[in-house]
Amino acid sequence: MTIDFCPIPTMAFSDQLQTEIEHLQAENARFIALLDVHGISWKTEDMCRDKNISTSVPRTDLSTNEKIALYSPLMTSGRI
């Protein structure tokens, strides 16, 4: 399995910071491998497809009555 990470310019970081970045990249690779072994979706597009989550832009043109109907249950229940 190959994990592609963004290239990191080594001269911009101290040796200690570069070592920490490499450590975290290795840890991420191990974590991703563990998720894959157990069949757990971890990519954003996989999660959206698996759960049928819409990636469309929500409506913003609600009328006043639609907004009242949307928020009334929350206001009467004390959630807002």
PDB file of N, CA and C in Angstrom:
ATOM      1  N   MET A   1       0.839  -1.170   0.000  1.00  0.00           N
ATOM      2  CA  MET A   1       0.000   0.000   0.000  1.00  0.00           C
ATOM      3  C   MET A   1       0.886   1.236   0.000  1.00  0.00           C
ATOM      4  N   THR A   2       0.527   2.210  -0.830  1.00  0.00           N
ATOM      5  CA  THR A   2       1.278   3.451  -0.879  1.00  0.00           C
ATOM      6  C   THR A   2       0.388   4.578  -0.391  1.00  0.00           C
ATOM      7  N   ILE A   3       0.876   5.335   0.554  1.00  0.00           N
ATOM      8  CA  ILE A   3       0.160   6.497   1.067  1.00  0.00           C
ATOM      9  C   ILE A   3       0.873   7.729   0.547  1.00  0.00           C
ATOM     10  N   ASP A   4       0.133   8.577  -0.149  1.00  0.00           N
ATOM     11  CA  ASP A   4       0.720   9.801  -0.680  1.00  0.00           C
ATOM     12  C   ASP A   4       0.479  10.942   0.295  1.00  0.00           C
ATOM     13  N   PHE A   5       1.539  11.580   0.703  1.00  0.00           N
ATOM     14  CA  PHE A   5       1.454  12.743   1.564  1.00  0.00           C
ATOM     15  C   PHE A   5       1.954  13.940   0.789  1.00  0.00           C
ATOM     16  N   CYS A   6       1.533  15.104   1.222  1.00  0.00           N
ATOM     17  CA  CYS A   6       2.014  16.322   0.592  1.00  0.00           C
ATOM     18  C   CYS A   6       3.506  16.434   0.847  1.00  0.00           C
ATOM     19  N   PRO A   7       4.267  16.800  -0.160  1.00  0.00           N
ATOM     20  CA  PRO A   7       5.700  16.967   0.064  1.00  0.00           C
ATOM     21  C   PRO A   7       5.944  18.121   1.035  1.00  0.00           C
ATOM     22  N   ILE A   8       6.864  17.914   1.932  1.00  0.00           N
ATOM     23  CA  ILE A   8       7.171  18.922   2.949  1.00  0.00           C
ATOM     24  C   ILE A   8       8.570  19.447   2.692  1.00  0.00           C
ATOM     25  N   PRO A   9       8.703  20.747   2.525  1.00  0.00           N
ATOM     26  CA  PRO A   9      10.051  21.294   2.305  1.00  0.00           C
ATOM     27  C   PRO A   9      10.885  21.143   3.576  1.00  0.00           C
ATOM     28  N   THR A  10      11.947  20.380   3.488  1.00  0.00           N
ATOM     29  CA  THR A  10      12.736  20.074   4.677  1.00  0.00           C
ATOM     30  C   THR A  10      13.506  21.275   5.198  1.00  0.00           C
ATOM     31  N   MET A  11      13.884  22.198   4.347  1.00  0.00           N
ATOM     32  CA  MET A  11      14.676  23.320   4.829  1.00  0.00           C
ATOM     33  C   MET A  11      13.844  24.320   5.623  1.00  0.00           C
ATOM     34  N   ALA A  12      12.502  24.232   5.556  1.00  0.00           N
ATOM     35  CA  ALA A  12      11.649  25.171   6.264  1.00  0.00           C
ATOM     36  C   ALA A  12      11.450  24.774   7.730  1.00  0.00           C
ATOM     37  N   PHE A  13      11.839  23.571   8.111  1.00  0.00           N
ATOM     38  CA  PHE A  13      11.598  23.084   9.458  1.00  0.00           C
ATOM     39  C   PHE A  13      12.911  22.709  10.137  1.00  0.00           C
ATOM     40  N   SER A  14      12.893  22.782  11.453  1.00  0.00           N
ATOM     41  CA  SER A  14      14.053  22.322  12.204  1.00  0.00           C
ATOM     42  C   SER A  14      14.121  20.802  12.119  1.00  0.00           C
ATOM     43  N   ASP A  15      15.266  20.240  12.471  1.00  0.00           N
ATOM     44  CA  ASP A  15      15.412  18.779  12.444  1.00  0.00           C
ATOM     45  C   ASP A  15      14.413  18.110  13.372  1.00  0.00           C
ATOM     46  N   GLN A  16      14.180  18.706  14.532  1.00  0.00           N
ATOM     47  CA  GLN A  16      13.245  18.119  15.494  1.00  0.00           C
ATOM     48  C   GLN A  16      11.822  18.126  14.928  1.00  0.00           C
ATOM     49  N   LEU A  17      11.437  19.229  14.316  1.00  0.00           N
ATOM     50  CA  LEU A  17      10.109  19.315  13.735  1.00  0.00           C
ATOM     51  C   LEU A  17       9.972  18.355  12.560  1.00  0.00           C
ATOM     52  N   GLN A  18      10.986  18.250  11.736  1.00  0.00           N
ATOM     53  CA  GLN A  18      10.967  17.327  10.602  1.00  0.00           C
ATOM     54  C   GLN A  18      10.827  15.890  11.084  1.00  0.00           C
ATOM     55  N   THR A  19      11.527  15.541  12.163  1.00  0.00           N
ATOM     56  CA  THR A  19      11.427  14.198  12.739  1.00  0.00           C
ATOM     57  C   THR A  19      10.009  13.933  13.237  1.00  0.00           C
ATOM     58  N   GLU A  20       9.414  14.930  13.872  1.00  0.00           N
ATOM     59  CA  GLU A  20       8.045  14.779  14.376  1.00  0.00           C
ATOM     60  C   GLU A  20       7.059  14.609  13.217  1.00  0.00           C
ATOM     61  N   ILE A  21       7.236  15.361  12.145  1.00  0.00           N
ATOM     62  CA  ILE A  21       6.371  15.239  10.968  1.00  0.00           C
ATOM     63  C   ILE A  21       6.472  13.833  10.382  1.00  0.00           C
ATOM     64  N   GLU A  22       7.687  13.327  10.249  1.00  0.00           N
ATOM     65  CA  GLU A  22       7.889  11.975   9.713  1.00  0.00           C
ATOM     66  C   GLU A  22       7.256  10.926  10.628  1.00  0.00           C
ATOM     67  N   HIS A  23       7.383  11.129  11.939  1.00  0.00           N
ATOM     68  CA  HIS A  23       6.775  10.216  12.910  1.00  0.00           C
ATOM     69  C   HIS A  23       5.246  10.205  12.738  1.00  0.00           C
ATOM     70  N   LEU A  24       4.647  11.389  12.602  1.00  0.00           N
ATOM     71  CA  LEU A  24       3.199  11.480  12.446  1.00  0.00           C
ATOM     72  C   LEU A  24       2.736  10.885  11.118  1.00  0.00           C
ATOM     73  N   GLN A  25       3.519  11.075  10.062  1.00  0.00           N
ATOM     74  CA  GLN A  25       3.168  10.469   8.779  1.00  0.00           C
ATOM     75  C   GLN A  25       3.201   8.946   8.867  1.00  0.00           C
ATOM     76  N   ALA A  26       4.193   8.412   9.554  1.00  0.00           N
ATOM     77  CA  ALA A  26       4.280   6.954   9.729  1.00  0.00           C
ATOM     78  C   ALA A  26       3.103   6.457  10.571  1.00  0.00           C
ATOM     79  N   GLU A  27       2.755   7.213  11.605  1.00  0.00           N
ATOM     80  CA  GLU A  27       1.630   6.823  12.453  1.00  0.00           C
ATOM     81  C   GLU A  27       0.324   6.860  11.655  1.00  0.00           C
ATOM     82  N   ASN A  28       0.154   7.877  10.817  1.00  0.00           N
ATOM     83  CA  ASN A  28      -1.032   7.955   9.961  1.00  0.00           C
ATOM     84  C   ASN A  28      -1.095   6.764   9.013  1.00  0.00           C
ATOM     85  N   ALA A  29       0.035   6.388   8.438  1.00  0.00           N
ATOM     86  CA  ALA A  29       0.072   5.245   7.523  1.00  0.00           C
ATOM     87  C   ALA A  29      -0.333   3.963   8.251  1.00  0.00           C
ATOM     88  N   ARG A  30       0.150   3.779   9.482  1.00  0.00           N
ATOM     89  CA  ARG A  30      -0.234   2.588  10.270  1.00  0.00           C
ATOM     90  C   ARG A  30      -1.731   2.609  10.575  1.00  0.00           C
ATOM     91  N   PHE A  31      -2.242   3.783  10.934  1.00  0.00           N
ATOM     92  CA  PHE A  31      -3.657   3.908  11.252  1.00  0.00           C
ATOM     93  C   PHE A  31      -4.522   3.612  10.028  1.00  0.00           C
ATOM     94  N   ILE A  32      -4.144   4.137   8.870  1.00  0.00           N
ATOM     95  CA  ILE A  32      -4.878   3.895   7.632  1.00  0.00           C
ATOM     96  C   ILE A  32      -4.852   2.408   7.282  1.00  0.00           C
ATOM     97  N   ALA A  33      -3.705   1.776   7.448  1.00  0.00           N
ATOM     98  CA  ALA A  33      -3.600   0.336   7.180  1.00  0.00           C
ATOM     99  C   ALA A  33      -4.524  -0.446   8.113  1.00  0.00           C
ATOM    100  N   LEU A  34      -4.596  -0.049   9.376  1.00  0.00           N
ATOM    101  CA  LEU A  34      -5.463  -0.711  10.346  1.00  0.00           C
ATOM    102  C   LEU A  34      -6.933  -0.551   9.955  1.00  0.00           C
ATOM    103  N   LEU A  35      -7.312   0.647   9.533  1.00  0.00           N
ATOM    104  CA  LEU A  35      -8.684   0.864   9.075  1.00  0.00           C
ATOM    105  C   LEU A  35      -8.995   0.000   7.856  1.00  0.00           C
ATOM    106  N   ASP A  36      -8.058  -0.060   6.913  1.00  0.00           N
ATOM    107  CA  ASP A  36      -8.256  -0.870   5.712  1.00  0.00           C
ATOM    108  C   ASP A  36      -8.391  -2.356   6.042  1.00  0.00           C
ATOM    109  N   VAL A  37      -7.571  -2.845   6.948  1.00  0.00           N
ATOM    110  CA  VAL A  37      -7.622  -4.264   7.338  1.00  0.00           C
ATOM    111  C   VAL A  37      -8.995  -4.621   7.895  1.00  0.00           C
ATOM    112  N   HIS A  38      -9.591  -3.685   8.619  1.00  0.00           N
ATOM    113  CA  HIS A  38     -10.889  -3.949   9.241  1.00  0.00           C
ATOM    114  C   HIS A  38     -12.065  -3.490   8.380  1.00  0.00           C
ATOM    115  N   GLY A  39     -11.774  -3.063   7.145  1.00  0.00           N
ATOM    116  CA  GLY A  39     -12.835  -2.685   6.219  1.00  0.00           C
ATOM    117  C   GLY A  39     -13.572  -1.414   6.594  1.00  0.00           C
ATOM    118  N   ILE A  40     -12.901  -0.512   7.291  1.00  0.00           N
ATOM    119  CA  ILE A  40     -13.525   0.740   7.726  1.00  0.00           C
ATOM    120  C   ILE A  40     -13.210   1.834   6.699  1.00  0.00           C
ATOM    121  N   SER A  41     -14.260   2.467   6.174  1.00  0.00           N
ATOM    122  CA  SER A  41     -14.079   3.550   5.209  1.00  0.00           C
ATOM    123  C   SER A  41     -13.503   4.758   5.922  1.00  0.00           C
ATOM    124  N   TRP A  42     -12.471   5.355   5.337  1.00  0.00           N
ATOM    125  CA  TRP A  42     -11.853   6.519   5.968  1.00  0.00           C
ATOM    126  C   TRP A  42     -11.701   7.682   5.018  1.00  0.00           C
ATOM    127  N   LYS A  43     -11.928   7.473   3.739  1.00  0.00           N
ATOM    128  CA  LYS A  43     -11.823   8.557   2.766  1.00  0.00           C
ATOM    129  C   LYS A  43     -13.149   9.311   2.734  1.00  0.00           C
ATOM    130  N   THR A  44     -13.081  10.615   2.576  1.00  0.00           N
ATOM    131  CA  THR A  44     -14.283  11.435   2.576  1.00  0.00           C
ATOM    132  C   THR A  44     -15.284  10.961   1.545  1.00  0.00           C
ATOM    133  N   GLU A  45     -14.827  10.671   0.331  1.00  0.00           N
ATOM    134  CA  GLU A  45     -15.759  10.238  -0.709  1.00  0.00           C
ATOM    135  C   GLU A  45     -16.376   8.885  -0.375  1.00  0.00           C
ATOM    136  N   ASP A  46     -15.631   8.002   0.322  1.00  0.00           N
ATOM    137  CA  ASP A  46     -16.187   6.720   0.744  1.00  0.00           C
ATOM    138  C   ASP A  46     -17.281   6.933   1.784  1.00  0.00           C
ATOM    139  N   MET A  47     -17.044   7.814   2.727  1.00  0.00           N
ATOM    140  CA  MET A  47     -18.013   8.054   3.788  1.00  0.00           C
ATOM    141  C   MET A  47     -19.289   8.653   3.221  1.00  0.00           C
ATOM    142  N   CYS A  48     -19.178   9.567   2.276  1.00  0.00           N
ATOM    143  CA  CYS A  48     -20.364  10.173   1.672  1.00  0.00           C
ATOM    144  C   CYS A  48     -21.147   9.136   0.879  1.00  0.00           C
ATOM    145  N   ARG A  49     -20.444   8.317   0.113  1.00  0.00           N
ATOM    146  CA  ARG A  49     -21.101   7.313  -0.707  1.00  0.00           C
ATOM    147  C   ARG A  49     -21.742   6.245   0.181  1.00  0.00           C
ATOM    148  N   ASP A  50     -21.038   5.806   1.227  1.00  0.00           N
ATOM    149  CA  ASP A  50     -21.545   4.745   2.082  1.00  0.00           C
ATOM    150  C   ASP A  50     -22.788   5.162   2.860  1.00  0.00           C
ATOM    151  N   LYS A  51     -22.871   6.390   3.264  1.00  0.00           N
ATOM    152  CA  LYS A  51     -23.975   6.833   4.097  1.00  0.00           C
ATOM    153  C   LYS A  51     -24.988   7.668   3.334  1.00  0.00           C
ATOM    154  N   ASN A  52     -24.825   7.754   2.004  1.00  0.00           N
ATOM    155  CA  ASN A  52     -25.730   8.528   1.160  1.00  0.00           C
ATOM    156  C   ASN A  52     -25.862   9.965   1.651  1.00  0.00           C
ATOM    157  N   ILE A  53     -24.765  10.545   2.042  1.00  0.00           N
ATOM    158  CA  ILE A  53     -24.752  11.931   2.491  1.00  0.00           C
ATOM    159  C   ILE A  53     -24.700  12.828   1.265  1.00  0.00           C
ATOM    160  N   SER A  54     -25.572  13.782   1.240  1.00  0.00           N
ATOM    161  CA  SER A  54     -25.609  14.697   0.107  1.00  0.00           C
ATOM    162  C   SER A  54     -24.462  15.691   0.204  1.00  0.00           C
ATOM    163  N   THR A  55     -23.798  15.908  -0.903  1.00  0.00           N
ATOM    164  CA  THR A  55     -22.729  16.903  -0.938  1.00  0.00           C
ATOM    165  C   THR A  55     -23.200  18.164  -1.654  1.00  0.00           C
ATOM    166  N   SER A  56     -24.526  18.264  -1.897  1.00  0.00           N
ATOM    167  CA  SER A  56     -25.046  19.439  -2.578  1.00  0.00           C
ATOM    168  C   SER A  56     -25.102  20.622  -1.608  1.00  0.00           C
ATOM    169  N   VAL A  57     -25.199  21.793  -2.172  1.00  0.00           N
ATOM    170  CA  VAL A  57     -25.266  23.022  -1.380  1.00  0.00           C
ATOM    171  C   VAL A  57     -26.677  23.142  -0.799  1.00  0.00           C
ATOM    172  N   PRO A  58     -26.793  23.408   0.513  1.00  0.00           N
ATOM    173  CA  PRO A  58     -28.126  23.523   1.118  1.00  0.00           C
ATOM    174  C   PRO A  58     -28.858  24.770   0.626  1.00  0.00           C
ATOM    175  N   ARG A  59     -30.160  24.703   0.691  1.00  0.00           N
ATOM    176  CA  ARG A  59     -30.980  25.858   0.287  1.00  0.00           C
ATOM    177  C   ARG A  59     -30.772  27.012   1.255  1.00  0.00           C
ATOM    178  N   THR A  60     -30.720  28.193   0.721  1.00  0.00           N
ATOM    179  CA  THR A  60     -30.594  29.383   1.571  1.00  0.00           C
ATOM    180  C   THR A  60     -31.723  30.366   1.306  1.00  0.00           C
ATOM    181  N   ASP A  61     -32.670  29.977   0.465  1.00  0.00           N
ATOM    182  CA  ASP A  61     -33.750  30.888   0.087  1.00  0.00           C
ATOM    183  C   ASP A  61     -35.068  30.533   0.767  1.00  0.00           C
ATOM    184  N   LEU A  62     -35.022  30.135   2.024  1.00  0.00           N
ATOM    185  CA  LEU A  62     -36.242  29.771   2.725  1.00  0.00           C
ATOM    186  C   LEU A  62     -37.078  31.016   3.002  1.00  0.00           C
ATOM    187  N   SER A  63     -38.394  30.851   2.880  1.00  0.00           N
ATOM    188  CA  SER A  63     -39.297  31.951   3.212  1.00  0.00           C
ATOM    189  C   SER A  63     -39.371  32.076   4.734  1.00  0.00           C
ATOM    190  N   THR A  64     -39.960  33.151   5.203  1.00  0.00           N
ATOM    191  CA  THR A  64     -40.115  33.359   6.647  1.00  0.00           C
ATOM    192  C   THR A  64     -40.930  32.233   7.263  1.00  0.00           C
ATOM    193  N   ASN A  65     -42.023  31.827   6.607  1.00  0.00           N
ATOM    194  CA  ASN A  65     -42.861  30.741   7.134  1.00  0.00           C
ATOM    195  C   ASN A  65     -42.105  29.408   7.170  1.00  0.00           C
ATOM    196  N   GLU A  66     -41.265  29.149   6.166  1.00  0.00           N
ATOM    197  CA  GLU A  66     -40.466  27.919   6.154  1.00  0.00           C
ATOM    198  C   GLU A  66     -39.448  27.926   7.305  1.00  0.00           C
ATOM    199  N   LYS A  67     -38.848  29.075   7.553  1.00  0.00           N
ATOM    200  CA  LYS A  67     -37.891  29.182   8.663  1.00  0.00           C
ATOM    201  C   LYS A  67     -38.583  28.969   9.998  1.00  0.00           C
ATOM    202  N   ILE A  68     -39.782  29.544  10.165  1.00  0.00           N
ATOM    203  CA  ILE A  68     -40.533  29.367  11.410  1.00  0.00           C
ATOM    204  C   ILE A  68     -40.877  27.901  11.603  1.00  0.00           C
ATOM    205  N   ALA A  69     -41.335  27.240  10.525  1.00  0.00           N
ATOM    206  CA  ALA A  69     -41.676  25.820  10.608  1.00  0.00           C
ATOM    207  C   ALA A  69     -40.450  24.979  10.940  1.00  0.00           C
ATOM    208  N   LEU A  70     -39.300  25.376  10.437  1.00  0.00           N
ATOM    209  CA  LEU A  70     -38.068  24.630  10.674  1.00  0.00           C
ATOM    210  C   LEU A  70     -37.585  24.775  12.117  1.00  0.00           C
ATOM    211  N   TYR A  71     -37.661  25.988  12.657  1.00  0.00           N
ATOM    212  CA  TYR A  71     -37.092  26.247  13.978  1.00  0.00           C
ATOM    213  C   TYR A  71     -38.090  26.188  15.132  1.00  0.00           C
ATOM    214  N   SER A  72     -39.388  26.188  14.860  1.00  0.00           N
ATOM    215  CA  SER A  72     -40.379  26.154  15.935  1.00  0.00           C
ATOM    216  C   SER A  72     -40.216  24.972  16.888  1.00  0.00           C
ATOM    217  N   PRO A  73     -40.050  23.746  16.383  1.00  0.00           N
ATOM    218  CA  PRO A  73     -39.891  22.620  17.320  1.00  0.00           C
ATOM    219  C   PRO A  73     -38.671  22.777  18.236  1.00  0.00           C
ATOM    220  N   LEU A  74     -37.611  23.361  17.724  1.00  0.00           N
ATOM    221  CA  LEU A  74     -36.420  23.550  18.543  1.00  0.00           C
ATOM    222  C   LEU A  74     -36.662  24.592  19.624  1.00  0.00           C
ATOM    223  N   MET A  75     -37.381  25.652  19.285  1.00  0.00           N
ATOM    224  CA  MET A  75     -37.631  26.722  20.246  1.00  0.00           C
ATOM    225  C   MET A  75     -38.593  26.273  21.338  1.00  0.00           C
ATOM    226  N   THR A  76     -39.592  25.498  20.981  1.00  0.00           N
ATOM    227  CA  THR A  76     -40.568  25.049  21.985  1.00  0.00           C
ATOM    228  C   THR A  76     -39.988  23.957  22.883  1.00  0.00           C
ATOM    229  N   SER A  77     -38.993  23.249  22.394  1.00  0.00           N
ATOM    230  CA  SER A  77     -38.388  22.196  23.218  1.00  0.00           C
ATOM    231  C   SER A  77     -37.288  22.732  24.113  1.00  0.00           C
ATOM    232  N   GLY A  78     -36.934  23.994  23.935  1.00  0.00           N
ATOM    233  CA  GLY A  78     -35.892  24.599  24.768  1.00  0.00           C
ATOM    234  C   GLY A  78     -34.484  24.315  24.269  1.00  0.00           C
ATOM    235  N   ARG A  79     -34.338  23.840  23.060  1.00  0.00           N
ATOM    236  CA  ARG A  79     -33.003  23.530  22.520  1.00  0.00           C
ATOM    237  C   ARG A  79     -32.288  24.760  21.998  1.00  0.00           C
ATOM    238  N   ILE A  80     -33.028  25.834  21.783  1.00  0.00           N
ATOM    239  CA  ILE A  80     -32.372  27.071  21.321  1.00  0.00           C
ATOM    240  C   ILE A  80     -32.573  28.131  22.376  1.00  0.00           C
TER     241      ILE A  80
END
